[in-house]
Amino acid sequence: MKKRVLAWILLAGFVLLLLNIVVFQIFLMQSIAVYAVIAVWFIFTNKPLPSNKIIKTGENTAGDFQGADNENPDEAESSQENEDNSEE
């Protein structure tokens, strides 16, 4: 709970910092310096996701329904109906 409150306080402070830089421009150089420190800190501390956490999209798996290649699901249903009718 404490971390959540701290995160909200930091977020509010960051929004106020951006608002000061863009609109009010009070202590502009100091505000820009603080923004630069935050940006550099974020770049160096932000770690990429491990490869097993990355969600891969666009791959068909065995559990997908037939006709997943078609962009229009109506076409997939109609092609399945045609196949069913031809088997009879």
C-alpha atoms as a PDB file:
ATOM      1  CA  MET A   1       0.000   0.000   0.000  1.00  0.00           C
ATOM      2  CA  LYS A   2       2.860   2.365   0.809  1.00  0.00           C
ATOM      3  CA  LYS A   3       4.434   1.730  -2.586  1.00  0.00           C
ATOM      4  CA  ARG A   4       1.160   2.536  -4.313  1.00  0.00           C
ATOM      5  CA  VAL A   5       0.798   5.840  -2.450  1.00  0.00           C
ATOM      6  CA  LEU A   6       4.409   6.729  -3.222  1.00  0.00           C
ATOM      7  CA  ALA A   7       3.858   5.903  -6.906  1.00  0.00           C
ATOM      8  CA  TRP A   8       0.805   8.194  -7.060  1.00  0.00           C
ATOM      9  CA  ILE A   9       2.721  11.012  -5.361  1.00  0.00           C
ATOM     10  CA  LEU A  10       5.619  10.625  -7.802  1.00  0.00           C
ATOM     11  CA  LEU A  11       3.218  10.562 -10.743  1.00  0.00           C
ATOM     12  CA  ALA A  12       1.498  13.750  -9.560  1.00  0.00           C
ATOM     13  CA  GLY A  13       4.879  15.419  -9.080  1.00  0.00           C
ATOM     14  CA  PHE A  14       5.994  14.420 -12.565  1.00  0.00           C
ATOM     15  CA  VAL A  15       2.784  15.770 -14.106  1.00  0.00           C
ATOM     16  CA  LEU A  16       3.247  19.032 -12.186  1.00  0.00           C
ATOM     17  CA  LEU A  17       6.877  19.188 -13.371  1.00  0.00           C
ATOM     18  CA  LEU A  18       5.781  18.816 -17.015  1.00  0.00           C
ATOM     19  CA  LEU A  19       3.012  21.372 -16.487  1.00  0.00           C
ATOM     20  CA  ASN A  20       5.560  23.802 -15.043  1.00  0.00           C
ATOM     21  CA  ILE A  21       7.928  23.331 -17.992  1.00  0.00           C
ATOM     22  CA  VAL A  22       5.199  23.769 -20.600  1.00  0.00           C
ATOM     23  CA  VAL A  23       2.876  26.364 -19.046  1.00  0.00           C
ATOM     24  CA  PHE A  24       4.113  28.198 -15.961  1.00  0.00           C
ATOM     25  CA  GLN A  25       7.864  28.219 -16.662  1.00  0.00           C
ATOM     26  CA  ILE A  26       8.821  29.047 -13.061  1.00  0.00           C
ATOM     27  CA  PHE A  27      12.391  27.936 -12.280  1.00  0.00           C
ATOM     28  CA  LEU A  28      12.582  26.714 -15.873  1.00  0.00           C
ATOM     29  CA  MET A  29      16.251  25.673 -15.918  1.00  0.00           C
ATOM     30  CA  GLN A  30      15.983  23.778 -12.647  1.00  0.00           C
ATOM     31  CA  SER A  31      12.801  22.044 -13.844  1.00  0.00           C
ATOM     32  CA  ILE A  32      14.467  20.987 -17.089  1.00  0.00           C
ATOM     33  CA  ALA A  33      17.462  19.683 -15.129  1.00  0.00           C
ATOM     34  CA  VAL A  34      15.176  17.621 -12.869  1.00  0.00           C
ATOM     35  CA  TYR A  35      13.334  16.307 -15.953  1.00  0.00           C
ATOM     36  CA  ALA A  36      16.648  15.333 -17.574  1.00  0.00           C
ATOM     37  CA  VAL A  37      17.766  13.486 -14.424  1.00  0.00           C
ATOM     38  CA  ILE A  38      14.452  11.585 -14.324  1.00  0.00           C
ATOM     39  CA  ALA A  39      14.732  10.712 -18.037  1.00  0.00           C
ATOM     40  CA  VAL A  40      18.315   9.445 -17.691  1.00  0.00           C
ATOM     41  CA  TRP A  41      17.403   7.467 -14.547  1.00  0.00           C
ATOM     42  CA  PHE A  42      14.478   5.862 -16.401  1.00  0.00           C
ATOM     43  CA  ILE A  43      16.626   4.904 -19.391  1.00  0.00           C
ATOM     44  CA  PHE A  44      19.327   3.265 -17.268  1.00  0.00           C
ATOM     45  CA  THR A  45      17.039   1.497 -14.810  1.00  0.00           C
ATOM     46  CA  ASN A  46      14.392   0.266 -17.253  1.00  0.00           C
ATOM     47  CA  LYS A  47      15.204  -3.376 -17.936  1.00  0.00           C
ATOM     48  CA  PRO A  48      13.829  -5.202 -20.984  1.00  0.00           C
ATOM     49  CA  LEU A  49      11.311  -7.979 -20.451  1.00  0.00           C
ATOM     50  CA  PRO A  50      12.682 -11.513 -20.310  1.00  0.00           C
ATOM     51  CA  SER A  51      12.044 -13.400 -23.542  1.00  0.00           C
ATOM     52  CA  ASN A  52       9.582 -15.786 -21.865  1.00  0.00           C
ATOM     53  CA  LYS A  53       7.348 -12.849 -20.826  1.00  0.00           C
ATOM     54  CA  ILE A  54       7.032 -11.367 -24.321  1.00  0.00           C
ATOM     55  CA  ILE A  55       3.677 -12.114 -25.895  1.00  0.00           C
ATOM     56  CA  LYS A  56       4.083 -13.313 -29.452  1.00  0.00           C
ATOM     57  CA  THR A  57       1.179 -12.651 -31.755  1.00  0.00           C
ATOM     58  CA  GLY A  58       0.353 -13.828 -35.226  1.00  0.00           C
ATOM     59  CA  GLU A  59       1.410 -17.415 -34.672  1.00  0.00           C
ATOM     60  CA  ASN A  60      -1.070 -20.218 -35.260  1.00  0.00           C
ATOM     61  CA  THR A  61      -1.083 -22.944 -32.664  1.00  0.00           C
ATOM     62  CA  ALA A  62      -2.691 -26.363 -32.713  1.00  0.00           C
ATOM     63  CA  GLY A  63      -5.550 -25.118 -30.544  1.00  0.00           C
ATOM     64  CA  ASP A  64      -6.666 -22.450 -33.041  1.00  0.00           C
ATOM     65  CA  PHE A  65      -9.893 -22.983 -34.900  1.00  0.00           C
ATOM     66  CA  GLN A  66      -9.858 -23.810 -38.577  1.00  0.00           C
ATOM     67  CA  GLY A  67     -10.013 -20.831 -40.869  1.00  0.00           C
ATOM     68  CA  ALA A  68      -7.885 -18.626 -38.618  1.00  0.00           C
ATOM     69  CA  ASP A  69      -5.956 -17.549 -41.715  1.00  0.00           C
ATOM     70  CA  ASN A  70      -8.971 -15.788 -43.183  1.00  0.00           C
ATOM     71  CA  GLU A  71      -9.369 -12.128 -42.382  1.00  0.00           C
ATOM     72  CA  ASN A  72     -13.153 -12.332 -42.559  1.00  0.00           C
ATOM     73  CA  PRO A  73     -14.646 -14.871 -40.122  1.00  0.00           C
ATOM     74  CA  ASP A  74     -17.816 -15.124 -42.251  1.00  0.00           C
ATOM     75  CA  GLU A  75     -15.744 -16.494 -45.114  1.00  0.00           C
ATOM     76  CA  ALA A  76     -14.249 -19.117 -42.798  1.00  0.00           C
ATOM     77  CA  GLU A  77     -17.704 -20.282 -41.746  1.00  0.00           C
ATOM     78  CA  SER A  78     -19.009 -20.411 -45.303  1.00  0.00           C
ATOM     79  CA  SER A  79     -15.969 -22.375 -46.509  1.00  0.00           C
ATOM     80  CA  GLN A  80     -16.487 -24.880 -43.679  1.00  0.00           C
ATOM     81  CA  GLU A  81     -20.152 -25.238 -44.615  1.00  0.00           C
ATOM     82  CA  ASN A  82     -19.183 -25.899 -48.233  1.00  0.00           C
ATOM     83  CA  GLU A  83     -16.735 -28.591 -47.126  1.00  0.00           C
ATOM     84  CA  ASP A  84     -19.394 -30.189 -44.926  1.00  0.00           C
ATOM     85  CA  ASN A  85     -21.929 -30.202 -47.773  1.00  0.00           C
ATOM     86  CA  SER A  86     -19.440 -31.726 -50.220  1.00  0.00           C
ATOM     87  CA  GLU A  87     -18.751 -34.648 -47.872  1.00  0.00           C
ATOM     88  CA  GLU A  88     -22.422 -35.728 -47.866  1.00  0.00           C
END
